[in-house]
């Protein structure tokens, strides 16, 4: 141990390396560490000189780990996380244990929030903080333990566990369906007000996409009522303003309660799903593991009517 100090690279260079490797960008790493890009680059250079190996290839739009850099990244991530966890443990946790969860507006409003009371009944000692945004966040930098995301399950630096697949289909209130023009086939939708989720982020799965996918030419005269929040879309449908696109898993509870109905027995999918994700750079704490087990159980129960649950990678 007497020679440990001589063998170890400077701690700041290791921290700068971990952030740069995770972001694949010196600029983003510098922003996270609140230092200049030049300082981050200097820390990397010091580390490479200390090790006598090249860790990154400098590219026009960022940096790319070398083969040696990829091996060293896992070592550094595990080591720094172990130090951080040990420091937290020896300091002692002040106040109740906490979990920070991030989710999109739709997932938070129609899947997560309605179920939180059940979890809190069994884990009253845990503090839960929910961050809601449709924009993906930097989980490590923002201190997020768990995120619920919609997509293909491939996010750099994150473990992903599929909770449920997502299909889309028309939904409306029972009162609207009773009083509106008949709906027997998809083309009949053109005679109704369609409640749309607006915005560039959602254009790949809006009413235009859905109608075109079932072979309907969308006229310019199509009546739409647009919102940039899925919570508003669903509320407008509940209030009887028209027909919205419902998504399996998210509309499940409203359909089960009879607050919404499906006027057409037709659904489409883009092959995407809702995933539970955690940072690869950290090992879930016991409270986080409890929350993960609960969410996977809920996903199985609601979508499949099952009580078994999948497991998440350790």
C-alpha atoms as a PDB file:
ATOM      1  CA  UNK A   1       0.000   0.000   0.000  1.00  0.00           C
ATOM      2  CA  UNK A   2       2.980   2.282   0.467  1.00  0.00           C
ATOM      3  CA  UNK A   3       3.287   2.696  -3.268  1.00  0.00           C
ATOM      4  CA  UNK A   4      -0.456   3.067  -3.949  1.00  0.00           C
ATOM      5  CA  UNK A   5      -0.322   6.841  -4.288  1.00  0.00           C
ATOM      6  CA  UNK A   6       2.383   6.546  -6.915  1.00  0.00           C
ATOM      7  CA  UNK A   7       0.377   4.018  -8.934  1.00  0.00           C
ATOM      8  CA  UNK A   8      -2.979   5.790  -8.839  1.00  0.00           C
ATOM      9  CA  UNK A   9      -3.839   8.392 -11.513  1.00  0.00           C
ATOM     10  CA  UNK A  10      -5.065  11.790 -10.253  1.00  0.00           C
ATOM     11  CA  UNK A  11      -8.675  11.467  -9.034  1.00  0.00           C
ATOM     12  CA  UNK A  12      -9.848  14.445 -11.079  1.00  0.00           C
ATOM     13  CA  UNK A  13      -8.569  12.819 -14.244  1.00  0.00           C
ATOM     14  CA  UNK A  14     -10.546   9.658 -13.441  1.00  0.00           C
ATOM     15  CA  UNK A  15     -13.737  11.639 -12.832  1.00  0.00           C
ATOM     16  CA  UNK A  16     -13.221  13.556 -16.079  1.00  0.00           C
ATOM     17  CA  UNK A  17     -12.582  10.292 -17.938  1.00  0.00           C
ATOM     18  CA  UNK A  18     -15.772   8.664 -16.594  1.00  0.00           C
ATOM     19  CA  UNK A  19     -17.930  11.634 -17.604  1.00  0.00           C
ATOM     20  CA  UNK A  20     -16.312  11.956 -21.039  1.00  0.00           C
ATOM     21  CA  UNK A  21     -16.681   8.224 -21.734  1.00  0.00           C
ATOM     22  CA  UNK A  22     -20.329   8.254 -20.664  1.00  0.00           C
ATOM     23  CA  UNK A  23     -21.229  11.272 -22.809  1.00  0.00           C
ATOM     24  CA  UNK A  24     -18.796  10.501 -25.670  1.00  0.00           C
ATOM     25  CA  UNK A  25     -18.204  14.251 -25.584  1.00  0.00           C
ATOM     26  CA  UNK A  26     -15.662  16.498 -23.884  1.00  0.00           C
ATOM     27  CA  UNK A  27     -18.071  19.416 -24.096  1.00  0.00           C
ATOM     28  CA  UNK A  28     -20.926  17.618 -22.316  1.00  0.00           C
ATOM     29  CA  UNK A  29     -18.557  16.159 -19.733  1.00  0.00           C
ATOM     30  CA  UNK A  30     -17.181  19.623 -19.009  1.00  0.00           C
ATOM     31  CA  UNK A  31     -20.702  20.999 -18.609  1.00  0.00           C
ATOM     32  CA  UNK A  32     -21.599  18.232 -16.149  1.00  0.00           C
ATOM     33  CA  UNK A  33     -18.409  18.785 -14.114  1.00  0.00           C
ATOM     34  CA  UNK A  34     -18.732  22.580 -14.379  1.00  0.00           C
ATOM     35  CA  UNK A  35     -15.276  23.041 -15.800  1.00  0.00           C
ATOM     36  CA  UNK A  36     -14.066  24.291 -19.152  1.00  0.00           C
ATOM     37  CA  UNK A  37     -13.727  21.988 -22.140  1.00  0.00           C
ATOM     38  CA  UNK A  38     -10.003  22.711 -22.141  1.00  0.00           C
ATOM     39  CA  UNK A  39      -9.740  21.625 -18.505  1.00  0.00           C
ATOM     40  CA  UNK A  40     -11.587  18.373 -19.248  1.00  0.00           C
ATOM     41  CA  UNK A  41      -9.278  17.727 -22.200  1.00  0.00           C
ATOM     42  CA  UNK A  42      -6.253  18.423 -20.005  1.00  0.00           C
ATOM     43  CA  UNK A  43      -7.439  15.900 -17.383  1.00  0.00           C
ATOM     44  CA  UNK A  44      -7.809  13.239 -20.098  1.00  0.00           C
ATOM     45  CA  UNK A  45      -4.338  14.004 -21.434  1.00  0.00           C
ATOM     46  CA  UNK A  46      -2.844  13.682 -17.933  1.00  0.00           C
ATOM     47  CA  UNK A  47      -4.572  10.329 -17.490  1.00  0.00           C
ATOM     48  CA  UNK A  48      -3.376   9.016 -20.867  1.00  0.00           C
ATOM     49  CA  UNK A  49       0.177  10.100 -20.071  1.00  0.00           C
ATOM     50  CA  UNK A  50      -0.011   8.431 -16.644  1.00  0.00           C
ATOM     51  CA  UNK A  51      -1.255   5.153 -18.132  1.00  0.00           C
ATOM     52  CA  UNK A  52       0.886   5.331 -21.248  1.00  0.00           C
ATOM     53  CA  UNK A  53      -2.082   4.398 -23.456  1.00  0.00           C
ATOM     54  CA  UNK A  54      -4.551   6.190 -25.691  1.00  0.00           C
ATOM     55  CA  UNK A  55      -8.082   6.186 -24.240  1.00  0.00           C
ATOM     56  CA  UNK A  56     -10.006   8.164 -26.863  1.00  0.00           C
ATOM     57  CA  UNK A  57     -10.032   8.806 -30.570  1.00  0.00           C
ATOM     58  CA  UNK A  58     -10.787  12.471 -31.193  1.00  0.00           C
ATOM     59  CA  UNK A  59     -13.624  12.771 -33.723  1.00  0.00           C
ATOM     60  CA  UNK A  60     -15.173  15.803 -35.388  1.00  0.00           C
ATOM     61  CA  UNK A  61     -18.401  15.513 -33.362  1.00  0.00           C
ATOM     62  CA  UNK A  62     -17.037  14.105 -30.134  1.00  0.00           C
ATOM     63  CA  UNK A  63     -14.753  11.380 -28.870  1.00  0.00           C
ATOM     64  CA  UNK A  64     -14.766   7.602 -29.194  1.00  0.00           C
ATOM     65  CA  UNK A  65     -13.277   5.134 -26.727  1.00  0.00           C
ATOM     66  CA  UNK A  66     -10.404   2.974 -27.876  1.00  0.00           C
ATOM     67  CA  UNK A  67     -10.449  -0.747 -27.067  1.00  0.00           C
ATOM     68  CA  UNK A  68      -8.310  -0.044 -23.998  1.00  0.00           C
ATOM     69  CA  UNK A  69     -10.567   2.878 -23.110  1.00  0.00           C
ATOM     70  CA  UNK A  70     -13.658   0.657 -23.142  1.00  0.00           C
ATOM     71  CA  UNK A  71     -12.036  -1.794 -20.736  1.00  0.00           C
ATOM     72  CA  UNK A  72     -10.862   0.989 -18.459  1.00  0.00           C
ATOM     73  CA  UNK A  73     -14.294   2.672 -18.501  1.00  0.00           C
ATOM     74  CA  UNK A  74     -15.972  -0.239 -16.711  1.00  0.00           C
ATOM     75  CA  UNK A  75     -13.178  -0.413 -14.140  1.00  0.00           C
ATOM     76  CA  UNK A  76     -13.403   3.306 -13.395  1.00  0.00           C
ATOM     77  CA  UNK A  77     -17.223   3.352 -13.280  1.00  0.00           C
ATOM     78  CA  UNK A  78     -17.367   0.445 -10.845  1.00  0.00           C
ATOM     79  CA  UNK A  79     -14.589   1.864  -8.675  1.00  0.00           C
ATOM     80  CA  UNK A  80     -15.986   5.400  -8.445  1.00  0.00           C
ATOM     81  CA  UNK A  81     -19.481   4.054  -7.755  1.00  0.00           C
ATOM     82  CA  UNK A  82     -18.100   1.850  -4.998  1.00  0.00           C
ATOM     83  CA  UNK A  83     -16.350   4.834  -3.423  1.00  0.00           C
ATOM     84  CA  UNK A  84     -19.491   6.964  -3.664  1.00  0.00           C
ATOM     85  CA  UNK A  85     -21.656   4.217  -2.154  1.00  0.00           C
ATOM     86  CA  UNK A  86     -19.147   3.637   0.628  1.00  0.00           C
ATOM     87  CA  UNK A  87     -19.017   7.337   1.431  1.00  0.00           C
ATOM     88  CA  UNK A  88     -22.807   7.480   1.648  1.00  0.00           C
ATOM     89  CA  UNK A  89     -22.885   4.421   3.877  1.00  0.00           C
ATOM     90  CA  UNK A  90     -20.231   5.643   6.305  1.00  0.00           C
ATOM     91  CA  UNK A  91     -21.816   9.106   6.499  1.00  0.00           C
ATOM     92  CA  UNK A  92     -25.141   7.576   7.378  1.00  0.00           C
ATOM     93  CA  UNK A  93     -28.336   8.450   5.526  1.00  0.00           C
ATOM     94  CA  UNK A  94     -30.006  11.533   6.915  1.00  0.00           C
ATOM     95  CA  UNK A  95     -33.783  11.371   6.923  1.00  0.00           C
ATOM     96  CA  UNK A  96     -35.912   8.760   5.158  1.00  0.00           C
ATOM     97  CA  UNK A  97     -34.605   6.776   2.192  1.00  0.00           C
ATOM     98  CA  UNK A  98     -35.573   8.265  -1.145  1.00  0.00           C
ATOM     99  CA  UNK A  99     -36.191   7.238  -4.745  1.00  0.00           C
ATOM    100  CA  UNK A 100     -36.191   9.624  -7.695  1.00  0.00           C
ATOM    101  CA  UNK A 101     -38.158   8.497 -10.746  1.00  0.00           C
ATOM    102  CA  UNK A 102     -38.483  10.226 -14.102  1.00  0.00           C
ATOM    103  CA  UNK A 103     -41.247   9.535 -16.625  1.00  0.00           C
ATOM    104  CA  UNK A 104     -42.908  11.032 -19.671  1.00  0.00           C
ATOM    105  CA  UNK A 105     -46.108  13.024 -19.190  1.00  0.00           C
ATOM    106  CA  UNK A 106     -48.251  10.185 -20.536  1.00  0.00           C
ATOM    107  CA  UNK A 107     -46.620   7.415 -18.498  1.00  0.00           C
ATOM    108  CA  UNK A 108     -46.556   9.475 -15.300  1.00  0.00           C
ATOM    109  CA  UNK A 109     -50.184  10.606 -15.665  1.00  0.00           C
ATOM    110  CA  UNK A 110     -51.855   7.376 -16.722  1.00  0.00           C
ATOM    111  CA  UNK A 111     -49.673   4.552 -15.459  1.00  0.00           C
ATOM    112  CA  UNK A 112     -47.314   5.545 -12.660  1.00  0.00           C
ATOM    113  CA  UNK A 113     -49.204   8.122 -10.579  1.00  0.00           C
ATOM    114  CA  UNK A 114     -52.456   6.128 -10.241  1.00  0.00           C
ATOM    115  CA  UNK A 115     -50.459   3.238  -8.765  1.00  0.00           C
ATOM    116  CA  UNK A 116     -48.121   5.082  -6.405  1.00  0.00           C
ATOM    117  CA  UNK A 117     -50.541   4.941  -3.477  1.00  0.00           C
ATOM    118  CA  UNK A 118     -50.348   1.130  -3.492  1.00  0.00           C
ATOM    119  CA  UNK A 119     -46.556   1.196  -3.277  1.00  0.00           C
ATOM    120  CA  UNK A 120     -46.521   3.847  -0.562  1.00  0.00           C
ATOM    121  CA  UNK A 121     -48.873   1.798   1.608  1.00  0.00           C
ATOM    122  CA  UNK A 122     -46.241  -0.929   1.784  1.00  0.00           C
ATOM    123  CA  UNK A 123     -43.217   1.389   1.915  1.00  0.00           C
ATOM    124  CA  UNK A 124     -44.315   4.370   3.982  1.00  0.00           C
ATOM    125  CA  UNK A 125     -40.708   5.001   5.055  1.00  0.00           C
ATOM    126  CA  UNK A 126     -39.553   5.838   1.516  1.00  0.00           C
ATOM    127  CA  UNK A 127     -39.641   9.291  -0.022  1.00  0.00           C
ATOM    128  CA  UNK A 128     -40.565   9.265  -3.709  1.00  0.00           C
ATOM    129  CA  UNK A 129     -39.833  12.130  -6.078  1.00  0.00           C
ATOM    130  CA  UNK A 130     -41.188  12.053  -9.631  1.00  0.00           C
ATOM    131  CA  UNK A 131     -39.673  14.198 -12.398  1.00  0.00           C
ATOM    132  CA  UNK A 132     -41.978  14.512 -15.408  1.00  0.00           C
ATOM    133  CA  UNK A 133     -40.696  15.413 -18.863  1.00  0.00           C
ATOM    134  CA  UNK A 134     -40.997  14.105 -22.420  1.00  0.00           C
ATOM    135  CA  UNK A 135     -37.339  15.019 -22.977  1.00  0.00           C
ATOM    136  CA  UNK A 136     -34.874  12.265 -21.910  1.00  0.00           C
ATOM    137  CA  UNK A 137     -32.748  13.347 -18.963  1.00  0.00           C
ATOM    138  CA  UNK A 138     -29.193  12.557 -17.937  1.00  0.00           C
ATOM    139  CA  UNK A 139     -30.023  10.114 -15.155  1.00  0.00           C
ATOM    140  CA  UNK A 140     -26.618  10.186 -13.477  1.00  0.00           C
ATOM    141  CA  UNK A 141     -26.176  13.956 -13.580  1.00  0.00           C
ATOM    142  CA  UNK A 142     -29.762  14.591 -12.443  1.00  0.00           C
ATOM    143  CA  UNK A 143     -29.667  12.028  -9.642  1.00  0.00           C
ATOM    144  CA  UNK A 144     -32.436   9.853 -11.139  1.00  0.00           C
ATOM    145  CA  UNK A 145     -32.618   6.277  -9.893  1.00  0.00           C
ATOM    146  CA  UNK A 146     -35.256   4.932 -12.283  1.00  0.00           C
ATOM    147  CA  UNK A 147     -36.750   6.216 -15.521  1.00  0.00           C
ATOM    148  CA  UNK A 148     -39.811   5.059 -17.435  1.00  0.00           C
ATOM    149  CA  UNK A 149     -39.218   5.615 -21.147  1.00  0.00           C
ATOM    150  CA  UNK A 150     -41.036   4.864 -24.371  1.00  0.00           C
ATOM    151  CA  UNK A 151     -38.957   3.578 -27.255  1.00  0.00           C
ATOM    152  CA  UNK A 152     -36.989   0.624 -28.572  1.00  0.00           C
ATOM    153  CA  UNK A 153     -35.090  -0.128 -25.362  1.00  0.00           C
ATOM    154  CA  UNK A 154     -31.703   0.980 -26.689  1.00  0.00           C
ATOM    155  CA  UNK A 155     -30.311   3.885 -24.677  1.00  0.00           C
ATOM    156  CA  UNK A 156     -26.589   4.330 -24.215  1.00  0.00           C
ATOM    157  CA  UNK A 157     -25.308   3.737 -20.700  1.00  0.00           C
ATOM    158  CA  UNK A 158     -28.650   2.402 -19.407  1.00  0.00           C
ATOM    159  CA  UNK A 159     -30.059  -0.991 -18.491  1.00  0.00           C
ATOM    160  CA  UNK A 160     -33.517  -1.457 -20.001  1.00  0.00           C
ATOM    161  CA  UNK A 161     -36.296  -3.799 -18.885  1.00  0.00           C
ATOM    162  CA  UNK A 162     -39.447  -3.987 -20.994  1.00  0.00           C
ATOM    163  CA  UNK A 163     -42.607  -3.423 -18.959  1.00  0.00           C
ATOM    164  CA  UNK A 164     -45.213  -3.666 -21.708  1.00  0.00           C
ATOM    165  CA  UNK A 165     -45.655  -3.378 -25.467  1.00  0.00           C
ATOM    166  CA  UNK A 166     -47.684  -0.466 -26.815  1.00  0.00           C
ATOM    167  CA  UNK A 167     -50.427  -0.520 -29.454  1.00  0.00           C
ATOM    168  CA  UNK A 168     -52.543   2.475 -30.474  1.00  0.00           C
ATOM    169  CA  UNK A 169     -56.288   2.563 -31.158  1.00  0.00           C
ATOM    170  CA  UNK A 170     -59.187   5.072 -31.221  1.00  0.00           C
ATOM    171  CA  UNK A 171     -60.884   5.856 -27.885  1.00  0.00           C
ATOM    172  CA  UNK A 172     -63.727   8.140 -26.858  1.00  0.00           C
ATOM    173  CA  UNK A 173     -66.186   8.607 -24.025  1.00  0.00           C
ATOM    174  CA  UNK A 174     -69.333   6.425 -23.953  1.00  0.00           C
ATOM    175  CA  UNK A 175     -71.484   9.571 -24.129  1.00  0.00           C
ATOM    176  CA  UNK A 176     -69.669  10.791 -27.243  1.00  0.00           C
ATOM    177  CA  UNK A 177     -70.050   7.424 -28.973  1.00  0.00           C
ATOM    178  CA  UNK A 178     -73.766   7.338 -28.179  1.00  0.00           C
ATOM    179  CA  UNK A 179     -74.470  10.767 -29.650  1.00  0.00           C
ATOM    180  CA  UNK A 180     -71.957  10.873 -32.532  1.00  0.00           C
ATOM    181  CA  UNK A 181     -72.199   9.713 -36.127  1.00  0.00           C
ATOM    182  CA  UNK A 182     -71.967   5.915 -36.570  1.00  0.00           C
ATOM    183  CA  UNK A 183     -68.511   4.347 -36.530  1.00  0.00           C
ATOM    184  CA  UNK A 184     -68.293   1.062 -38.410  1.00  0.00           C
ATOM    185  CA  UNK A 185     -64.985   1.335 -40.313  1.00  0.00           C
ATOM    186  CA  UNK A 186     -61.841   3.488 -40.139  1.00  0.00           C
ATOM    187  CA  UNK A 187     -63.013   5.847 -42.908  1.00  0.00           C
ATOM    188  CA  UNK A 188     -65.908   6.885 -40.644  1.00  0.00           C
ATOM    189  CA  UNK A 189     -63.362   8.612 -38.384  1.00  0.00           C
ATOM    190  CA  UNK A 190     -63.110  11.427 -40.941  1.00  0.00           C
ATOM    191  CA  UNK A 191     -66.599  12.577 -39.944  1.00  0.00           C
ATOM    192  CA  UNK A 192     -65.497  13.116 -36.347  1.00  0.00           C
ATOM    193  CA  UNK A 193     -63.311  15.540 -34.435  1.00  0.00           C
ATOM    194  CA  UNK A 194     -60.006  13.807 -33.863  1.00  0.00           C
ATOM    195  CA  UNK A 195     -58.074  14.832 -30.760  1.00  0.00           C
ATOM    196  CA  UNK A 196     -54.411  14.910 -31.713  1.00  0.00           C
ATOM    197  CA  UNK A 197     -51.146  14.910 -29.760  1.00  0.00           C
ATOM    198  CA  UNK A 198     -49.262  17.721 -31.498  1.00  0.00           C
ATOM    199  CA  UNK A 199     -45.533  18.322 -31.756  1.00  0.00           C
ATOM    200  CA  UNK A 200     -42.518  17.129 -33.714  1.00  0.00           C
ATOM    201  CA  UNK A 201     -41.723  14.499 -31.070  1.00  0.00           C
ATOM    202  CA  UNK A 202     -45.105  12.839 -31.595  1.00  0.00           C
ATOM    203  CA  UNK A 203     -45.542  13.185 -35.359  1.00  0.00           C
ATOM    204  CA  UNK A 204     -44.458   9.574 -35.967  1.00  0.00           C
ATOM    205  CA  UNK A 205     -47.459   8.312 -33.997  1.00  0.00           C
ATOM    206  CA  UNK A 206     -50.242  10.861 -34.432  1.00  0.00           C
ATOM    207  CA  UNK A 207     -53.589  10.720 -36.229  1.00  0.00           C
ATOM    208  CA  UNK A 208     -52.040  11.349 -39.652  1.00  0.00           C
ATOM    209  CA  UNK A 209     -49.740   8.361 -39.173  1.00  0.00           C
ATOM    210  CA  UNK A 210     -52.553   6.151 -37.902  1.00  0.00           C
ATOM    211  CA  UNK A 211     -54.993   6.988 -40.699  1.00  0.00           C
ATOM    212  CA  UNK A 212     -52.385   6.628 -43.441  1.00  0.00           C
ATOM    213  CA  UNK A 213     -51.333   3.283 -41.937  1.00  0.00           C
ATOM    214  CA  UNK A 214     -54.862   1.887 -42.331  1.00  0.00           C
ATOM    215  CA  UNK A 215     -55.058   3.111 -45.932  1.00  0.00           C
ATOM    216  CA  UNK A 216     -57.047   6.311 -45.468  1.00  0.00           C
ATOM    217  CA  UNK A 217     -56.181   9.452 -47.415  1.00  0.00           C
ATOM    218  CA  UNK A 218     -56.378  12.354 -44.986  1.00  0.00           C
ATOM    219  CA  UNK A 219     -58.233  15.378 -46.447  1.00  0.00           C
ATOM    220  CA  UNK A 220     -57.248  18.948 -45.649  1.00  0.00           C
ATOM    221  CA  UNK A 221     -60.731  19.464 -44.244  1.00  0.00           C
ATOM    222  CA  UNK A 222     -60.101  16.971 -41.444  1.00  0.00           C
ATOM    223  CA  UNK A 223     -61.215  18.426 -38.115  1.00  0.00           C
ATOM    224  CA  UNK A 224     -58.647  18.074 -35.335  1.00  0.00           C
ATOM    225  CA  UNK A 225     -58.328  19.352 -31.809  1.00  0.00           C
ATOM    226  CA  UNK A 226     -54.648  19.460 -30.913  1.00  0.00           C
ATOM    227  CA  UNK A 227     -52.758  19.513 -27.618  1.00  0.00           C
ATOM    228  CA  UNK A 228     -49.033  19.224 -26.897  1.00  0.00           C
ATOM    229  CA  UNK A 229     -49.669  17.161 -23.745  1.00  0.00           C
ATOM    230  CA  UNK A 230     -51.122  13.662 -23.711  1.00  0.00           C
ATOM    231  CA  UNK A 231     -52.822  14.411 -20.402  1.00  0.00           C
ATOM    232  CA  UNK A 232     -54.862  17.118 -22.153  1.00  0.00           C
ATOM    233  CA  UNK A 233     -55.612  14.775 -25.057  1.00  0.00           C
ATOM    234  CA  UNK A 234     -57.076  12.182 -22.710  1.00  0.00           C
ATOM    235  CA  UNK A 235     -59.010  14.771 -20.714  1.00  0.00           C
ATOM    236  CA  UNK A 236     -60.581  16.119 -23.898  1.00  0.00           C
ATOM    237  CA  UNK A 237     -61.622  12.583 -24.839  1.00  0.00           C
ATOM    238  CA  UNK A 238     -63.086  12.002 -21.366  1.00  0.00           C
ATOM    239  CA  UNK A 239     -65.023  15.264 -21.686  1.00  0.00           C
ATOM    240  CA  UNK A 240     -66.564  14.104 -24.968  1.00  0.00           C
ATOM    241  CA  UNK A 241     -64.820  16.498 -27.368  1.00  0.00           C
ATOM    242  CA  UNK A 242     -63.964  13.814 -29.926  1.00  0.00           C
ATOM    243  CA  UNK A 243     -61.900  10.708 -30.553  1.00  0.00           C
ATOM    244  CA  UNK A 244     -58.303  10.341 -29.380  1.00  0.00           C
ATOM    245  CA  UNK A 245     -55.612   7.745 -29.909  1.00  0.00           C
ATOM    246  CA  UNK A 246     -55.330   5.544 -26.852  1.00  0.00           C
ATOM    247  CA  UNK A 247     -52.232   3.522 -26.061  1.00  0.00           C
ATOM    248  CA  UNK A 248     -52.277   0.098 -24.457  1.00  0.00           C
ATOM    249  CA  UNK A 249     -51.012   0.171 -20.904  1.00  0.00           C
ATOM    250  CA  UNK A 250     -51.799   3.875 -20.609  1.00  0.00           C
ATOM    251  CA  UNK A 251     -55.505   3.735 -21.482  1.00  0.00           C
ATOM    252  CA  UNK A 252     -56.025   0.362 -19.800  1.00  0.00           C
ATOM    253  CA  UNK A 253     -57.410   1.714 -16.525  1.00  0.00           C
ATOM    254  CA  UNK A 254     -59.776   4.190 -18.207  1.00  0.00           C
ATOM    255  CA  UNK A 255     -61.125   1.433 -20.443  1.00  0.00           C
ATOM    256  CA  UNK A 256     -61.520  -0.988 -17.537  1.00  0.00           C
ATOM    257  CA  UNK A 257     -63.524   1.600 -15.582  1.00  0.00           C
ATOM    258  CA  UNK A 258     -65.744   2.337 -18.576  1.00  0.00           C
ATOM    259  CA  UNK A 259     -64.669   5.977 -18.726  1.00  0.00           C
ATOM    260  CA  UNK A 260     -63.424   5.400 -22.270  1.00  0.00           C
ATOM    261  CA  UNK A 261     -64.498   2.918 -24.929  1.00  0.00           C
ATOM    262  CA  UNK A 262     -63.019   1.653 -28.177  1.00  0.00           C
ATOM    263  CA  UNK A 263     -65.373   2.508 -31.063  1.00  0.00           C
ATOM    264  CA  UNK A 264     -63.383   0.374 -33.536  1.00  0.00           C
ATOM    265  CA  UNK A 265     -61.751  -2.990 -32.961  1.00  0.00           C
ATOM    266  CA  UNK A 266     -58.552  -2.036 -34.742  1.00  0.00           C
ATOM    267  CA  UNK A 267     -55.085  -1.245 -33.405  1.00  0.00           C
ATOM    268  CA  UNK A 268     -51.632  -0.503 -34.766  1.00  0.00           C
ATOM    269  CA  UNK A 269     -48.119  -0.638 -33.375  1.00  0.00           C
ATOM    270  CA  UNK A 270     -44.718   0.763 -34.236  1.00  0.00           C
ATOM    271  CA  UNK A 271     -43.047  -2.045 -32.310  1.00  0.00           C
ATOM    272  CA  UNK A 272     -42.135   0.214 -29.389  1.00  0.00           C
ATOM    273  CA  UNK A 273     -42.698  -0.358 -25.685  1.00  0.00           C
ATOM    274  CA  UNK A 274     -42.526   1.190 -22.226  1.00  0.00           C
ATOM    275  CA  UNK A 275     -39.241   0.350 -20.517  1.00  0.00           C
ATOM    276  CA  UNK A 276     -37.892   0.689 -17.001  1.00  0.00           C
ATOM    277  CA  UNK A 277     -34.313   1.936 -17.195  1.00  0.00           C
ATOM    278  CA  UNK A 278     -31.510   2.372 -14.676  1.00  0.00           C
ATOM    279  CA  UNK A 279     -27.937   3.668 -15.111  1.00  0.00           C
ATOM    280  CA  UNK A 280     -25.341   1.003 -15.874  1.00  0.00           C
ATOM    281  CA  UNK A 281     -22.836   3.055 -13.932  1.00  0.00           C
ATOM    282  CA  UNK A 282     -24.575   2.348 -10.624  1.00  0.00           C
ATOM    283  CA  UNK A 283     -26.007  -0.638  -8.784  1.00  0.00           C
ATOM    284  CA  UNK A 284     -29.639  -0.187  -7.667  1.00  0.00           C
ATOM    285  CA  UNK A 285     -30.008   0.327  -3.911  1.00  0.00           C
ATOM    286  CA  UNK A 286     -32.376  -1.899  -1.889  1.00  0.00           C
ATOM    287  CA  UNK A 287     -35.202   0.704  -2.005  1.00  0.00           C
ATOM    288  CA  UNK A 288     -34.755   1.056  -5.765  1.00  0.00           C
ATOM    289  CA  UNK A 289     -34.855  -2.727  -6.145  1.00  0.00           C
ATOM    290  CA  UNK A 290     -38.108  -2.834  -4.193  1.00  0.00           C
ATOM    291  CA  UNK A 291     -39.587  -0.195  -6.462  1.00  0.00           C
ATOM    292  CA  UNK A 292     -38.437  -2.099  -9.558  1.00  0.00           C
ATOM    293  CA  UNK A 293     -39.982  -5.347  -8.312  1.00  0.00           C
ATOM    294  CA  UNK A 294     -43.250  -3.574  -7.613  1.00  0.00           C
ATOM    295  CA  UNK A 295     -43.388  -1.885 -11.042  1.00  0.00           C
ATOM    296  CA  UNK A 296     -42.661  -5.076 -12.939  1.00  0.00           C
ATOM    297  CA  UNK A 297     -45.383  -6.860 -10.974  1.00  0.00           C
ATOM    298  CA  UNK A 298     -47.854  -4.084 -11.775  1.00  0.00           C
ATOM    299  CA  UNK A 299     -46.924  -4.172 -15.455  1.00  0.00           C
ATOM    300  CA  UNK A 300     -47.535  -7.915 -15.577  1.00  0.00           C
ATOM    301  CA  UNK A 301     -50.829  -7.682 -13.711  1.00  0.00           C
ATOM    302  CA  UNK A 302     -52.316  -4.840 -15.729  1.00  0.00           C
ATOM    303  CA  UNK A 303     -51.261  -5.898 -19.209  1.00  0.00           C
ATOM    304  CA  UNK A 304     -51.224  -9.666 -18.986  1.00  0.00           C
ATOM    305  CA  UNK A 305     -53.360 -10.446 -15.967  1.00  0.00           C
ATOM    306  CA  UNK A 306     -50.342 -12.184 -14.474  1.00  0.00           C
ATOM    307  CA  UNK A 307     -48.742 -12.130 -11.051  1.00  0.00           C
ATOM    308  CA  UNK A 308     -45.272 -13.226 -12.154  1.00  0.00           C
ATOM    309  CA  UNK A 309     -42.682 -10.616 -12.980  1.00  0.00           C
ATOM    310  CA  UNK A 310     -39.561 -10.318 -15.113  1.00  0.00           C
ATOM    311  CA  UNK A 311     -36.179  -9.671 -13.540  1.00  0.00           C
ATOM    312  CA  UNK A 312     -33.799  -6.794 -14.071  1.00  0.00           C
ATOM    313  CA  UNK A 313     -30.101  -7.151 -14.723  1.00  0.00           C
ATOM    314  CA  UNK A 314     -27.977  -6.686 -11.593  1.00  0.00           C
END
